[in-house]
């Protein structure tokens, strides 16, 4: 099985200084962005590190081959002929 993993940046612990001429509102947005990024990493990093099931990888490869040949995919997402 293959592994997909999100990498965690080490430099997200410090808030960037707002550009000159910007006020507290931008600093608040940066704080929110940092909070959101940390929260999302905490919730989903473990899931992103899980191996992709072989069956899903097979389905993706089958769909890629079908798309390369120009044939409708096996999932039936093509519009039926009438």
Protein backbone atom coordinates (compact mmCIF):
# COMPACT_ATOMS: atom_id res chain seq x y z
CA UNK A 1 0.00 0.00 0.00
CA UNK A 2 1.13 3.53 -0.69
CA UNK A 3 1.20 6.23 1.97
CA UNK A 4 0.13 9.83 1.55
CA UNK A 5 1.25 12.15 4.28
CA UNK A 6 0.81 15.83 4.88
CA UNK A 7 3.98 17.50 5.99
CA UNK A 8 3.84 19.79 8.96
CA UNK A 9 5.71 23.04 8.69
CA UNK A 10 7.92 23.86 11.63
CA UNK A 11 7.60 27.63 11.18
CA UNK A 12 3.85 27.92 11.80
CA UNK A 13 4.31 28.61 15.49
CA UNK A 14 5.00 32.32 15.06
CA UNK A 15 2.57 34.85 13.70
CA UNK A 16 3.94 36.80 10.78
CA UNK A 17 4.25 40.54 11.32
CA UNK A 18 1.61 42.48 9.42
CA UNK A 19 2.88 44.51 6.46
CA UNK A 20 3.54 48.22 7.12
CA UNK A 21 0.37 50.27 7.12
CA UNK A 22 -1.81 47.36 8.18
CA UNK A 23 -3.67 47.29 11.48
CA UNK A 24 -4.83 44.92 14.15
CA UNK A 25 -7.51 43.47 11.87
CA UNK A 26 -4.84 41.83 9.69
CA UNK A 27 -3.09 40.51 12.79
CA UNK A 28 -6.40 39.00 13.86
CA UNK A 29 -6.81 37.34 10.47
CA UNK A 30 -3.29 35.91 10.71
CA UNK A 31 -4.07 34.58 14.20
CA UNK A 32 -7.26 32.95 12.93
CA UNK A 33 -5.42 31.44 9.95
CA UNK A 34 -2.80 29.98 12.28
CA UNK A 35 -5.46 28.62 14.65
CA UNK A 36 -7.34 27.05 11.75
CA UNK A 37 -4.21 25.50 10.23
CA UNK A 38 -3.18 23.98 13.57
CA UNK A 39 -6.67 22.66 14.21
CA UNK A 40 -6.94 21.07 10.78
CA UNK A 41 -3.53 19.46 11.15
CA UNK A 42 -4.50 18.12 14.57
CA UNK A 43 -7.73 16.63 13.20
CA UNK A 44 -6.57 15.25 9.86
CA UNK A 45 -2.83 14.51 9.90
CA UNK A 46 -3.42 11.02 11.26
CA UNK A 47 -5.97 10.29 8.56
CA UNK A 48 -3.70 11.64 5.82
CA UNK A 49 -0.94 9.28 7.00
CA UNK A 50 -3.13 6.20 6.64
CA UNK A 51 -2.32 3.93 3.70
CA UNK A 52 -4.57 4.15 0.65
CA UNK A 53 -6.45 0.85 0.26
CA UNK A 54 -5.29 -1.29 -2.65
CA UNK A 55 -8.84 -1.50 -4.02
CA UNK A 56 -9.10 2.30 -4.22
CA UNK A 57 -5.72 2.52 -5.96
CA UNK A 58 -6.90 -0.10 -8.45
CA UNK A 59 -10.09 1.86 -9.17
CA UNK A 60 -8.12 5.06 -9.73
CA UNK A 61 -5.71 3.33 -12.11
CA UNK A 62 -8.60 1.71 -14.01
CA UNK A 63 -10.27 5.11 -14.38
CA UNK A 64 -7.04 6.70 -15.61
CA UNK A 65 -6.60 3.98 -18.23
CA UNK A 66 -10.21 4.38 -19.38
CA UNK A 67 -9.81 8.16 -19.62
CA UNK A 68 -6.61 7.78 -21.63
CA UNK A 69 -8.42 5.51 -24.09
CA UNK A 70 -11.36 7.91 -24.29
CA UNK A 71 -13.84 5.31 -23.09
CA UNK A 72 -16.58 5.95 -20.52
CA UNK A 73 -15.53 5.07 -17.01
CA UNK A 74 -16.78 1.96 -15.28
CA UNK A 75 -18.49 3.98 -12.51
CA UNK A 76 -21.25 5.02 -14.88
CA UNK A 77 -20.77 8.77 -14.58
CA UNK A 78 -21.10 9.26 -18.33
CA UNK A 79 -24.47 10.42 -19.63
CA UNK A 80 -26.47 7.48 -20.99
CA UNK A 81 -27.36 7.55 -24.69
CA UNK A 82 -31.06 8.10 -25.45
